[in-house]
PDB file of N, CA and C in Angstrom:
ATOM      1  N   MET A   1      60.371 -47.138 -59.683  1.00  0.00           N
ATOM      2  CA  MET A   1      61.239 -47.103 -58.579  1.00  0.00           C
ATOM      3  C   MET A   1      60.453 -47.013 -57.397  1.00  0.00           C
ATOM      4  N   SER A   2      60.626 -47.799 -56.339  1.00  0.00           N
ATOM      5  CA  SER A   2      60.030 -47.828 -55.052  1.00  0.00           C
ATOM      6  C   SER A   2      60.643 -47.045 -54.130  1.00  0.00           C
ATOM      7  N   ILE A   3      59.939 -46.225 -53.260  1.00  0.00           N
ATOM      8  CA  ILE A   3      60.508 -45.460 -52.196  1.00  0.00           C
ATOM      9  C   ILE A   3      60.621 -46.375 -50.915  1.00  0.00           C
ATOM     10  N   ILE A   4      60.151 -47.671 -50.957  1.00  0.00           N
ATOM     11  CA  ILE A   4      60.262 -48.528 -49.787  1.00  0.00           C
ATOM     12  C   ILE A   4      61.568 -49.240 -49.881  1.00  0.00           C
ATOM     13  N   ARG A   5      62.307 -49.251 -49.001  1.00  0.00           N
ATOM     14  CA  ARG A   5      63.486 -50.112 -48.761  1.00  0.00           C
ATOM     15  C   ARG A   5      63.630 -50.783 -47.476  1.00  0.00           C
ATOM     16  N   LYS A   6      63.721 -52.163 -47.331  1.00  0.00           N
ATOM     17  CA  LYS A   6      63.657 -52.869 -46.178  1.00  0.00           C
ATOM     18  C   LYS A   6      62.676 -52.398 -45.159  1.00  0.00           C
ATOM     19  N   GLY A   7      61.333 -52.337 -45.678  1.00  0.00           N
ATOM     20  CA  GLY A   7      60.164 -52.087 -44.800  1.00  0.00           C
ATOM     21  C   GLY A   7      60.082 -50.691 -44.321  1.00  0.00           C
ATOM     22  N   ARG A   8      61.035 -49.736 -44.638  1.00  0.00           N
ATOM     23  CA  ARG A   8      60.923 -48.370 -44.241  1.00  0.00           C
ATOM     24  C   ARG A   8      61.049 -47.426 -45.441  1.00  0.00           C
ATOM     25  N   ASP A   9      60.351 -46.424 -45.612  1.00  0.00           N
ATOM     26  CA  ASP A   9      60.587 -45.671 -46.762  1.00  0.00           C
ATOM     27  C   ASP A   9      61.844 -44.783 -46.736  1.00  0.00           C
ATOM     28  N   LEU A  10      62.178 -44.207 -47.884  1.00  0.00           N
ATOM     29  CA  LEU A  10      63.470 -43.559 -47.900  1.00  0.00           C
ATOM     30  C   LEU A  10      63.524 -42.324 -47.016  1.00  0.00           C
ATOM     31  N   ILE A  11      62.419 -41.663 -46.854  1.00  0.00           N
ATOM     32  CA  ILE A  11      62.277 -40.463 -46.015  1.00  0.00           C
ATOM     33  C   ILE A  11      62.870 -40.744 -44.675  1.00  0.00           C
ATOM     34  N   SER A  12      62.628 -41.992 -44.155  1.00  0.00           N
ATOM     35  CA  SER A  12      63.144 -42.266 -42.809  1.00  0.00           C
ATOM     36  C   SER A  12      64.584 -42.502 -42.727  1.00  0.00           C
ATOM     37  N   ALA A  13      65.269 -42.515 -43.956  1.00  0.00           N
ATOM     38  CA  ALA A  13      66.684 -42.620 -43.967  1.00  0.00           C
ATOM     39  C   ALA A  13      67.315 -41.067 -43.957  1.00  0.00           C
ATOM     40  N   LEU A  14      66.533 -40.224 -43.886  1.00  0.00           N
ATOM     41  CA  LEU A  14      67.142 -38.767 -43.895  1.00  0.00           C
ATOM     42  C   LEU A  14      67.935 -38.561 -42.583  1.00  0.00           C
ATOM     43  N   PRO A  15      68.952 -37.875 -42.626  1.00  0.00           N
ATOM     44  CA  PRO A  15      69.666 -37.562 -41.453  1.00  0.00           C
ATOM     45  C   PRO A  15      68.990 -36.578 -40.634  1.00  0.00           C
ATOM     46  N   LEU A  16      68.593 -36.930 -39.378  1.00  0.00           N
ATOM     47  CA  LEU A  16      67.822 -36.065 -38.551  1.00  0.00           C
ATOM     48  C   LEU A  16      68.861 -35.475 -37.432  1.00  0.00           C
ATOM     49  N   LYS A  17      70.027 -35.957 -37.261  1.00  0.00           N
ATOM     50  CA  LYS A  17      70.858 -35.369 -36.075  1.00  0.00           C
ATOM     51  C   LYS A  17      71.147 -33.935 -36.348  1.00  0.00           C
ATOM     52  N   GLY A  18      71.246 -33.421 -37.585  1.00  0.00           N
ATOM     53  CA  GLY A  18      71.530 -32.013 -37.761  1.00  0.00           C
ATOM     54  C   GLY A  18      70.346 -31.038 -37.639  1.00  0.00           C
ATOM     55  N   LEU A  19      69.314 -31.463 -37.208  1.00  0.00           N
ATOM     56  CA  LEU A  19      68.125 -30.585 -37.028  1.00  0.00           C
ATOM     57  C   LEU A  19      68.331 -29.624 -35.959  1.00  0.00           C
ATOM     58  N   LYS A  20      69.003 -29.992 -34.952  1.00  0.00           N
ATOM     59  CA  LYS A  20      69.153 -29.179 -33.741  1.00  0.00           C
ATOM     60  C   LYS A  20      70.172 -27.971 -34.192  1.00  0.00           C
ATOM     61  N   ASP A  21      70.902 -28.129 -35.261  1.00  0.00           N
ATOM     62  CA  ASP A  21      71.787 -27.019 -35.608  1.00  0.00           C
ATOM     63  C   ASP A  21      71.202 -26.154 -36.686  1.00  0.00           C
ATOM     64  N   MET A  22      70.070 -26.289 -37.096  1.00  0.00           N
ATOM     65  CA  MET A  22      69.425 -25.495 -38.125  1.00  0.00           C
ATOM     66  C   MET A  22      69.310 -24.008 -37.660  1.00  0.00           C
ATOM     67  N   PRO A  23      69.653 -23.112 -38.549  1.00  0.00           N
ATOM     68  CA  PRO A  23      69.491 -21.741 -38.178  1.00  0.00           C
ATOM     69  C   PRO A  23      67.943 -21.458 -37.995  1.00  0.00           C
ATOM     70  N   PRO A  24      67.659 -20.453 -37.224  1.00  0.00           N
ATOM     71  CA  PRO A  24      66.235 -20.064 -36.961  1.00  0.00           C
ATOM     72  C   PRO A  24      65.650 -19.629 -38.423  1.00  0.00           C
ATOM     73  N   ALA A  25      64.352 -19.713 -38.414  1.00  0.00           N
ATOM     74  CA  ALA A  25      63.615 -19.293 -39.624  1.00  0.00           C
ATOM     75  C   ALA A  25      63.787 -17.684 -39.815  1.00  0.00           C
ATOM     76  N   ILE A  26      63.645 -17.465 -41.202  1.00  0.00           N
ATOM     77  CA  ILE A  26      63.695 -15.918 -41.375  1.00  0.00           C
ATOM     78  C   ILE A  26      62.482 -15.204 -40.744  1.00  0.00           C
ATOM     79  N   GLU A  27      62.629 -14.023 -40.228  1.00  0.00           N
ATOM     80  CA  GLU A  27      61.573 -13.395 -39.444  1.00  0.00           C
ATOM     81  C   GLU A  27      60.423 -13.009 -40.446  1.00  0.00           C
ATOM     82  N   LEU A  28      59.208 -13.045 -39.834  1.00  0.00           N
ATOM     83  CA  LEU A  28      58.048 -12.622 -40.670  1.00  0.00           C
ATOM     84  C   LEU A  28      58.012 -11.167 -40.827  1.00  0.00           C
ATOM     85  N   PRO A  29      57.278 -10.688 -41.874  1.00  0.00           N
ATOM     86  CA  PRO A  29      57.220  -9.265 -42.107  1.00  0.00           C
ATOM     87  C   PRO A  29      56.687  -8.595 -40.884  1.00  0.00           C
ATOM     88  N   ALA A  30      57.048  -7.277 -40.735  1.00  0.00           N
ATOM     89  CA  ALA A  30      56.643  -6.362 -39.758  1.00  0.00           C
ATOM     90  C   ALA A  30      55.100  -6.320 -39.745  1.00  0.00           C
ATOM     91  N   ASN A  31      54.441  -6.293 -40.744  1.00  0.00           N
ATOM     92  CA  ASN A  31      52.944  -6.067 -40.900  1.00  0.00           C
ATOM     93  C   ASN A  31      52.118  -7.363 -40.693  1.00  0.00           C
ATOM     94  N   PHE A  32      52.875  -8.444 -40.448  1.00  0.00           N
ATOM     95  CA  PHE A  32      52.178  -9.723 -40.085  1.00  0.00           C
ATOM     96  C   PHE A  32      51.691  -9.682 -38.632  1.00  0.00           C
ATOM     97  N   ALA A  33      50.640 -10.611 -38.463  1.00  0.00           N
ATOM     98  CA  ALA A  33      50.070 -10.507 -37.121  1.00  0.00           C
ATOM     99  C   ALA A  33      51.052 -10.644 -35.984  1.00  0.00           C
ATOM    100  N   LYS A  34      50.950 -10.015 -34.865  1.00  0.00           N
ATOM    101  CA  LYS A  34      51.944 -10.257 -33.678  1.00  0.00           C
ATOM    102  C   LYS A  34      51.784 -11.599 -33.091  1.00  0.00           C
ATOM    103  N   ILE A  35      52.752 -12.309 -33.179  1.00  0.00           N
ATOM    104  CA  ILE A  35      52.751 -13.715 -32.683  1.00  0.00           C
ATOM    105  C   ILE A  35      53.848 -13.963 -31.666  1.00  0.00           C
ATOM    106  N   HIS A  36      53.571 -14.898 -30.842  1.00  0.00           N
ATOM    107  CA  HIS A  36      54.662 -15.438 -29.937  1.00  0.00           C
ATOM    108  C   HIS A  36      55.584 -16.271 -30.682  1.00  0.00           C
ATOM    109  N   PRO A  37      56.940 -16.424 -30.145  1.00  0.00           N
ATOM    110  CA  PRO A  37      57.809 -17.279 -30.794  1.00  0.00           C
ATOM    111  C   PRO A  37      57.332 -18.687 -30.579  1.00  0.00           C
ATOM    112  N   PRO A  38      57.779 -19.635 -31.378  1.00  0.00           N
ATOM    113  CA  PRO A  38      57.297 -21.010 -31.316  1.00  0.00           C
ATOM    114  C   PRO A  38      57.870 -21.577 -29.978  1.00  0.00           C
ATOM    115  N   ARG A  39      57.109 -22.516 -29.398  1.00  0.00           N
ATOM    116  CA  ARG A  39      57.538 -23.081 -28.123  1.00  0.00           C
ATOM    117  C   ARG A  39      58.666 -24.207 -28.329  1.00  0.00           C
ATOM    118  N   PHE A  40      58.533 -24.928 -29.369  1.00  0.00           N
ATOM    119  CA  PHE A  40      59.424 -26.147 -29.706  1.00  0.00           C
ATOM    120  C   PHE A  40      60.371 -25.774 -30.844  1.00  0.00           C
ATOM    121  N   LYS A  41      61.524 -26.202 -30.839  1.00  0.00           N
ATOM    122  CA  LYS A  41      62.531 -25.986 -31.848  1.00  0.00           C
ATOM    123  C   LYS A  41      62.699 -27.288 -32.581  1.00  0.00           C
ATOM    124  N   CYS A  42      63.214 -27.212 -33.902  1.00  0.00           N
ATOM    125  CA  CYS A  42      63.563 -28.480 -34.639  1.00  0.00           C
ATOM    126  C   CYS A  42      64.617 -29.313 -33.859  1.00  0.00           C
ATOM    127  N   GLY A  43      64.318 -30.552 -33.705  1.00  0.00           N
ATOM    128  CA  GLY A  43      65.267 -31.442 -33.022  1.00  0.00           C
ATOM    129  C   GLY A  43      64.802 -31.697 -31.512  1.00  0.00           C
ATOM    130  N   GLU A  44      63.740 -31.052 -31.084  1.00  0.00           N
ATOM    131  CA  GLU A  44      63.286 -31.289 -29.720  1.00  0.00           C
ATOM    132  C   GLU A  44      62.356 -32.601 -29.847  1.00  0.00           C
ATOM    133  N   MET A  45      62.333 -33.402 -28.779  1.00  0.00           N
ATOM    134  CA  MET A  45      61.394 -34.484 -28.543  1.00  0.00           C
ATOM    135  C   MET A  45      60.088 -33.970 -27.985  1.00  0.00           C
ATOM    136  N   VAL A  46      59.031 -34.384 -28.408  1.00  0.00           N
ATOM    137  CA  VAL A  46      57.675 -33.929 -27.965  1.00  0.00           C
ATOM    138  C   VAL A  46      56.708 -35.102 -27.939  1.00  0.00           C
ATOM    139  N   ARG A  47      55.611 -34.979 -27.219  1.00  0.00           N
ATOM    140  CA  ARG A  47      54.488 -35.934 -27.245  1.00  0.00           C
ATOM    141  C   ARG A  47      53.185 -35.232 -27.175  1.00  0.00           C
ATOM    142  N   TRP A  48      52.161 -35.967 -27.503  1.00  0.00           N
ATOM    143  CA  TRP A  48      50.800 -35.294 -27.559  1.00  0.00           C
ATOM    144  C   TRP A  48      50.467 -35.266 -26.056  1.00  0.00           C
ATOM    145  N   ALA A  49      49.912 -34.122 -25.611  1.00  0.00           N
ATOM    146  CA  ALA A  49      49.602 -33.843 -24.250  1.00  0.00           C
ATOM    147  C   ALA A  49      48.111 -34.310 -23.994  1.00  0.00           C
ATOM    148  N   ASP A  50      47.829 -34.659 -22.823  1.00  0.00           N
ATOM    149  CA  ASP A  50      46.370 -34.902 -22.376  1.00  0.00           C
ATOM    150  C   ASP A  50      45.897 -36.088 -23.266  1.00  0.00           C
ATOM    151  N   VAL A  51      46.670 -37.081 -23.635  1.00  0.00           N
ATOM    152  CA  VAL A  51      46.117 -38.125 -24.252  1.00  0.00           C
ATOM    153  C   VAL A  51      46.242 -39.422 -23.399  1.00  0.00           C
ATOM    154  N   SER A  52      47.333 -39.860 -23.068  1.00  0.00           N
ATOM    155  CA  SER A  52      47.536 -40.936 -22.072  1.00  0.00           C
ATOM    156  C   SER A  52      48.880 -41.249 -21.987  1.00  0.00           C
ATOM    157  N   GLU A  53      49.250 -42.240 -21.190  1.00  0.00           N
ATOM    158  CA  GLU A  53      50.640 -42.630 -20.976  1.00  0.00           C
ATOM    159  C   GLU A  53      51.228 -43.174 -22.381  1.00  0.00           C
ATOM    160  N   GLU A  54      50.294 -43.709 -23.152  1.00  0.00           N
ATOM    161  CA  GLU A  54      50.713 -44.206 -24.558  1.00  0.00           C
ATOM    162  C   GLU A  54      50.636 -43.179 -25.575  1.00  0.00           C
ATOM    163  N   ALA A  55      50.740 -42.061 -25.421  1.00  0.00           N
ATOM    164  CA  ALA A  55      50.696 -40.933 -26.370  1.00  0.00           C
ATOM    165  C   ALA A  55      51.804 -41.099 -27.333  1.00  0.00           C
ATOM    166  N   ASP A  56      51.614 -40.844 -28.586  1.00  0.00           N
ATOM    167  CA  ASP A  56      52.610 -40.766 -29.596  1.00  0.00           C
ATOM    168  C   ASP A  56      53.790 -39.950 -29.252  1.00  0.00           C
ATOM    169  N   THR A  57      54.918 -40.135 -29.555  1.00  0.00           N
ATOM    170  CA  THR A  57      56.093 -39.193 -29.221  1.00  0.00           C
ATOM    171  C   THR A  57      56.913 -39.103 -30.556  1.00  0.00           C
ATOM    172  N   GLY A  58      57.708 -38.125 -30.659  1.00  0.00           N
ATOM    173  CA  GLY A  58      58.476 -38.010 -31.830  1.00  0.00           C
ATOM    174  C   GLY A  58      59.411 -36.673 -31.832  1.00  0.00           C
ATOM    175  N   MET A  59      60.043 -36.381 -32.769  1.00  0.00           N
ATOM    176  CA  MET A  59      60.884 -35.265 -32.801  1.00  0.00           C
ATOM    177  C   MET A  59      60.405 -34.129 -33.769  1.00  0.00           C
ATOM    178  N   VAL A  60      60.441 -32.953 -33.385  1.00  0.00           N
ATOM    179  CA  VAL A  60      60.020 -31.829 -34.289  1.00  0.00           C
ATOM    180  C   VAL A  60      60.897 -31.810 -35.422  1.00  0.00           C
ATOM    181  N   ILE A  61      60.524 -31.790 -36.671  1.00  0.00           N
ATOM    182  CA  ILE A  61      61.319 -31.705 -37.832  1.00  0.00           C
ATOM    183  C   ILE A  61      60.997 -30.482 -38.689  1.00  0.00           C
ATOM    184  N   GLY A  62      60.041 -29.792 -38.325  1.00  0.00           N
ATOM    185  CA  GLY A  62      59.479 -28.550 -38.987  1.00  0.00           C
ATOM    186  C   GLY A  62      58.303 -27.805 -38.340  1.00  0.00           C
ATOM    187  N   LYS A  63      58.118 -26.632 -38.620  1.00  0.00           N
ATOM    188  CA  LYS A  63      56.986 -25.996 -38.194  1.00  0.00           C
ATOM    189  C   LYS A  63      56.480 -24.867 -39.195  1.00  0.00           C
ATOM    190  N   PHE A  64      55.207 -24.566 -38.931  1.00  0.00           N
ATOM    191  CA  PHE A  64      54.567 -23.446 -39.807  1.00  0.00           C
ATOM    192  C   PHE A  64      53.541 -22.794 -39.078  1.00  0.00           C
ATOM    193  N   TYR A  65      53.291 -21.593 -39.502  1.00  0.00           N
ATOM    194  CA  TYR A  65      52.169 -20.805 -38.839  1.00  0.00           C
ATOM    195  C   TYR A  65      50.942 -20.849 -39.704  1.00  0.00           C
ATOM    196  N   ASN A  66      49.866 -21.380 -39.165  1.00  0.00           N
ATOM    197  CA  ASN A  66      48.705 -21.606 -39.930  1.00  0.00           C
ATOM    198  C   ASN A  66      47.502 -21.164 -39.207  1.00  0.00           C
ATOM    199  N   TYR A  67      46.385 -20.976 -39.867  1.00  0.00           N
ATOM    200  CA  TYR A  67      45.137 -20.530 -39.424  1.00  0.00           C
ATOM    201  C   TYR A  67      44.387 -21.745 -38.843  1.00  0.00           C
ATOM    202  N   GLU A  68      44.026 -21.728 -37.649  1.00  0.00           N
ATOM    203  CA  GLU A  68      43.277 -22.927 -37.064  1.00  0.00           C
ATOM    204  C   GLU A  68      41.791 -22.597 -37.018  1.00  0.00           C
ATOM    205  N   GLN A  69      40.947 -23.278 -37.733  1.00  0.00           N
ATOM    206  CA  GLN A  69      39.597 -22.790 -37.943  1.00  0.00           C
ATOM    207  C   GLN A  69      38.741 -22.993 -36.662  1.00  0.00           C
ATOM    208  N   HIS A  70      38.935 -23.971 -35.792  1.00  0.00           N
ATOM    209  CA  HIS A  70      38.201 -24.218 -34.578  1.00  0.00           C
ATOM    210  C   HIS A  70      38.454 -23.116 -33.604  1.00  0.00           C
ATOM    211  N   GLN A  71      39.655 -22.617 -33.442  1.00  0.00           N
ATOM    212  CA  GLN A  71      40.093 -21.620 -32.464  1.00  0.00           C
ATOM    213  C   GLN A  71      39.843 -20.342 -32.980  1.00  0.00           C
ATOM    214  N   ARG A  72      39.795 -20.184 -34.314  1.00  0.00           N
ATOM    215  CA  ARG A  72      39.685 -18.990 -35.070  1.00  0.00           C
ATOM    216  C   ARG A  72      40.816 -17.943 -34.871  1.00  0.00           C
ATOM    217  N   CYS A  73      41.949 -18.557 -34.917  1.00  0.00           N
ATOM    218  CA  CYS A  73      43.117 -17.766 -34.876  1.00  0.00           C
ATOM    219  C   CYS A  73      44.315 -18.420 -35.479  1.00  0.00           C
ATOM    220  N   TRP A  74      45.539 -17.660 -35.687  1.00  0.00           N
ATOM    221  CA  TRP A  74      46.679 -18.225 -36.208  1.00  0.00           C
ATOM    222  C   TRP A  74      47.466 -18.914 -35.084  1.00  0.00           C
ATOM    223  N   MET A  75      48.004 -20.007 -35.330  1.00  0.00           N
ATOM    224  CA  MET A  75      48.791 -20.844 -34.393  1.00  0.00           C
ATOM    225  C   MET A  75      50.120 -21.479 -35.075  1.00  0.00           C
ATOM    226  N   TRP A  76      50.892 -21.838 -34.261  1.00  0.00           N
ATOM    227  CA  TRP A  76      52.037 -22.751 -34.697  1.00  0.00           C
ATOM    228  C   TRP A  76      51.552 -24.106 -34.835  1.00  0.00           C
ATOM    229  N   CYS A  77      51.924 -24.824 -35.872  1.00  0.00           N
ATOM    230  CA  CYS A  77      51.772 -26.125 -36.122  1.00  0.00           C
ATOM    231  C   CYS A  77      53.052 -26.875 -36.439  1.00  0.00           C
ATOM    232  N   TYR A  78      53.288 -28.023 -35.941  1.00  0.00           N
ATOM    233  CA  TYR A  78      54.493 -28.743 -35.989  1.00  0.00           C
ATOM    234  C   TYR A  78      54.496 -29.943 -36.875  1.00  0.00           C
ATOM    235  N   ILE A  79      55.399 -30.293 -37.570  1.00  0.00           N
ATOM    236  CA  ILE A  79      55.653 -31.465 -38.120  1.00  0.00           C
ATOM    237  C   ILE A  79      56.486 -32.400 -37.332  1.00  0.00           C
ATOM    238  N   ILE A  80      56.034 -33.608 -36.978  1.00  0.00           N
ATOM    239  CA  ILE A  80      56.609 -34.411 -36.051  1.00  0.00           C
ATOM    240  C   ILE A  80      56.918 -35.879 -36.697  1.00  0.00           C
ATOM    241  N   CYS A  81      58.249 -36.161 -36.628  1.00  0.00           N
ATOM    242  CA  CYS A  81      58.728 -37.505 -37.095  1.00  0.00           C
ATOM    243  C   CYS A  81      58.528 -38.450 -35.951  1.00  0.00           C
ATOM    244  N   LEU A  82      57.660 -39.414 -36.036  1.00  0.00           N
ATOM    245  CA  LEU A  82      57.205 -40.314 -34.867  1.00  0.00           C
ATOM    246  C   LEU A  82      58.352 -41.216 -34.603  1.00  0.00           C
ATOM    247  N   THR A  83      58.484 -41.664 -33.275  1.00  0.00           N
ATOM    248  CA  THR A  83      59.316 -42.764 -32.854  1.00  0.00           C
ATOM    249  C   THR A  83      58.752 -44.157 -33.367  1.00  0.00           C
ATOM    250  N   PRO A  84      59.518 -45.045 -33.591  1.00  0.00           N
ATOM    251  CA  PRO A  84      59.021 -46.300 -34.047  1.00  0.00           C
ATOM    252  C   PRO A  84      58.059 -47.000 -33.081  1.00  0.00           C
ATOM    253  N   ASP A  85      58.135 -46.749 -31.811  1.00  0.00           N
ATOM    254  CA  ASP A  85      57.315 -47.402 -30.884  1.00  0.00           C
ATOM    255  C   ASP A  85      55.940 -46.591 -30.634  1.00  0.00           C
ATOM    256  N   SER A  86      55.693 -45.530 -31.402  1.00  0.00           N
ATOM    257  CA  SER A  86      54.448 -44.828 -31.169  1.00  0.00           C
ATOM    258  C   SER A  86      53.309 -45.586 -31.761  1.00  0.00           C
ATOM    259  N   LYS A  87      52.172 -45.606 -31.171  1.00  0.00           N
ATOM    260  CA  LYS A  87      51.008 -46.405 -31.776  1.00  0.00           C
ATOM    261  C   LYS A  87      50.824 -46.039 -33.290  1.00  0.00           C
ATOM    262  N   SER A  88      50.754 -44.779 -33.669  1.00  0.00           N
ATOM    263  CA  SER A  88      50.586 -44.390 -34.975  1.00  0.00           C
ATOM    264  C   SER A  88      51.543 -44.733 -35.969  1.00  0.00           C
ATOM    265  N   ALA A  89      52.793 -45.192 -35.433  1.00  0.00           N
ATOM    266  CA  ALA A  89      53.873 -45.478 -36.325  1.00  0.00           C
ATOM    267  C   ALA A  89      53.654 -46.695 -37.156  1.00  0.00           C
ATOM    268  N   THR A  90      52.625 -47.510 -36.697  1.00  0.00           N
ATOM    269  CA  THR A  90      52.129 -48.829 -37.554  1.00  0.00           C
ATOM    270  C   THR A  90      51.729 -48.344 -38.928  1.00  0.00           C
ATOM    271  N   TRP A  91      51.076 -47.033 -38.993  1.00  0.00           N
ATOM    272  CA  TRP A  91      50.438 -46.770 -40.262  1.00  0.00           C
ATOM    273  C   TRP A  91      51.001 -45.436 -40.845  1.00  0.00           C
ATOM    274  N   CYS A  92      51.807 -44.578 -40.104  1.00  0.00           N
ATOM    275  CA  CYS A  92      52.379 -43.341 -40.568  1.00  0.00           C
ATOM    276  C   CYS A  92      53.680 -43.082 -39.836  1.00  0.00           C
ATOM    277  N   GLN A  93      54.716 -42.384 -40.499  1.00  0.00           N
ATOM    278  CA  GLN A  93      55.863 -42.046 -39.873  1.00  0.00           C
ATOM    279  C   GLN A  93      55.868 -40.562 -39.429  1.00  0.00           C
ATOM    280  N   PHE A  94      55.096 -39.767 -39.991  1.00  0.00           N
ATOM    281  CA  PHE A  94      54.998 -38.343 -39.824  1.00  0.00           C
ATOM    282  C   PHE A  94      53.619 -37.833 -39.449  1.00  0.00           C
ATOM    283  N   ASP A  95      53.541 -36.823 -38.548  1.00  0.00           N
ATOM    284  CA  ASP A  95      52.289 -36.243 -38.254  1.00  0.00           C
ATOM    285  C   ASP A  95      52.345 -34.760 -38.060  1.00  0.00           C
ATOM    286  N   THR A  96      51.227 -34.138 -37.844  1.00  0.00           N
ATOM    287  CA  THR A  96      51.369 -32.595 -37.575  1.00  0.00           C
ATOM    288  C   THR A  96      50.443 -32.457 -36.209  1.00  0.00           C
ATOM    289  N   ALA A  97      50.733 -31.435 -35.613  1.00  0.00           N
ATOM    290  CA  ALA A  97      50.133 -31.125 -34.324  1.00  0.00           C
ATOM    291  C   ALA A  97      50.136 -29.645 -34.073  1.00  0.00           C
ATOM    292  N   TRP A  98      49.136 -29.147 -33.523  1.00  0.00           N
ATOM    293  CA  TRP A  98      49.017 -27.726 -33.060  1.00  0.00           C
ATOM    294  C   TRP A  98      49.911 -27.668 -31.763  1.00  0.00           C
ATOM    295  N   GLU A  99      50.457 -26.459 -31.624  1.00  0.00           N
ATOM    296  CA  GLU A  99      51.273 -26.270 -30.465  1.00  0.00           C
ATOM    297  C   GLU A  99      50.732 -26.520 -29.037  1.00  0.00           C
ATOM    298  N   GLU A 100      49.460 -26.270 -28.935  1.00  0.00           N
ATOM    299  CA  GLU A 100      48.789 -26.482 -27.660  1.00  0.00           C
ATOM    300  C   GLU A 100      48.518 -27.879 -27.465  1.00  0.00           C
ATOM    301  N   ASP A 101      48.707 -28.756 -28.417  1.00  0.00           N
ATOM    302  CA  ASP A 101      48.377 -30.202 -28.232  1.00  0.00           C
ATOM    303  C   ASP A 101      49.748 -30.905 -27.872  1.00  0.00           C
ATOM    304  N   LEU A 102      50.844 -30.239 -27.836  1.00  0.00           N
ATOM    305  CA  LEU A 102      52.055 -31.013 -27.566  1.00  0.00           C
ATOM    306  C   LEU A 102      52.771 -30.502 -26.271  1.00  0.00           C
ATOM    307  N   GLU A 103      53.583 -31.337 -25.770  1.00  0.00           N
ATOM    308  CA  GLU A 103      54.445 -31.029 -24.559  1.00  0.00           C
ATOM    309  C   GLU A 103      55.759 -31.543 -24.771  1.00  0.00           C
ATOM    310  N   LYS A 104      56.736 -30.991 -24.113  1.00  0.00           N
ATOM    311  CA  LYS A 104      58.064 -31.480 -24.326  1.00  0.00           C
ATOM    312  C   LYS A 104      58.134 -32.876 -23.604  1.00  0.00           C
ATOM    313  N   PHE A 105      59.121 -33.656 -24.259  1.00  0.00           N
ATOM    314  CA  PHE A 105      59.255 -35.073 -23.714  1.00  0.00           C
ATOM    315  C   PHE A 105      60.642 -35.380 -23.813  1.00  0.00           C
ATOM    316  N   GLU A 106      61.207 -35.779 -22.632  1.00  0.00           N
ATOM    317  CA  GLU A 106      62.625 -36.252 -22.536  1.00  0.00           C
ATOM    318  C   GLU A 106      62.707 -37.618 -22.214  1.00  0.00           C
ATOM    319  N   ASP A 107      63.188 -38.285 -23.282  1.00  0.00           N
ATOM    320  CA  ASP A 107      63.476 -39.709 -23.115  1.00  0.00           C
ATOM    321  C   ASP A 107      64.899 -40.063 -23.928  1.00  0.00           C
ATOM    322  N   ASP A 108      65.908 -40.259 -23.257  1.00  0.00           N
ATOM    323  CA  ASP A 108      67.228 -40.461 -23.969  1.00  0.00           C
ATOM    324  C   ASP A 108      67.212 -41.594 -24.915  1.00  0.00           C
ATOM    325  N   GLU A 109      66.427 -42.547 -24.567  1.00  0.00           N
ATOM    326  CA  GLU A 109      66.396 -43.905 -25.379  1.00  0.00           C
ATOM    327  C   GLU A 109      65.726 -43.574 -26.635  1.00  0.00           C
ATOM    328  N   LYS A 110      64.655 -42.828 -26.614  1.00  0.00           N
ATOM    329  CA  LYS A 110      63.922 -42.487 -27.761  1.00  0.00           C
ATOM    330  C   LYS A 110      64.495 -41.581 -28.647  1.00  0.00           C
ATOM    331  N   ALA A 111      65.231 -40.545 -27.916  1.00  0.00           N
ATOM    332  CA  ALA A 111      66.051 -39.513 -28.722  1.00  0.00           C
ATOM    333  C   ALA A 111      67.245 -40.194 -29.501  1.00  0.00           C
ATOM    334  N   ALA A 112      67.814 -41.195 -28.962  1.00  0.00           N
ATOM    335  CA  ALA A 112      68.880 -41.909 -29.551  1.00  0.00           C
ATOM    336  C   ALA A 112      68.519 -42.458 -30.956  1.00  0.00           C
ATOM    337  N   TYR A 113      67.243 -42.738 -31.191  1.00  0.00           N
ATOM    338  CA  TYR A 113      66.796 -43.373 -32.492  1.00  0.00           C
ATOM    339  C   TYR A 113      67.062 -42.223 -33.599  1.00  0.00           C
ATOM    340  N   PHE A 114      67.014 -41.003 -33.168  1.00  0.00           N
ATOM    341  CA  PHE A 114      67.133 -39.793 -34.187  1.00  0.00           C
ATOM    342  C   PHE A 114      68.513 -39.442 -34.399  1.00  0.00           C
ATOM    343  N   ASP A 115      69.494 -39.954 -33.528  1.00  0.00           N
ATOM    344  CA  ASP A 115      70.966 -39.637 -33.663  1.00  0.00           C
ATOM    345  C   ASP A 115      71.693 -40.537 -34.679  1.00  0.00           C
ATOM    346  N   ARG A 116      71.291 -40.339 -35.840  1.00  0.00           N
ATOM    347  CA  ARG A 116      71.875 -41.071 -36.945  1.00  0.00           C
ATOM    348  C   ARG A 116      72.429 -40.260 -38.050  1.00  0.00           C
TER     349      ARG A 116
END
């Protein structure tokens, strides 16, 4: 059985519209490192900061707290569903990015792609 259907994989057929209505994640244990709340919520449009005008854009579909070796600290990392016109979308549909590498992006036209 193939996961490809009409040129797009089945993952891209997942309903993304309800992501904005997801309940917040369960709180971390009290003895876990003191952390700031995540800057971006599921369902928000973001783009890679300090790249160029042609930076990839997409919607946050998940996040996790992970150790970043180069910074030597724990940081938020986001799972991004790329918009079809992102340069990287020719070879991948999803990407991850550290919080410091993203910025909020507002584009009603691109956001409409995820309202399905």
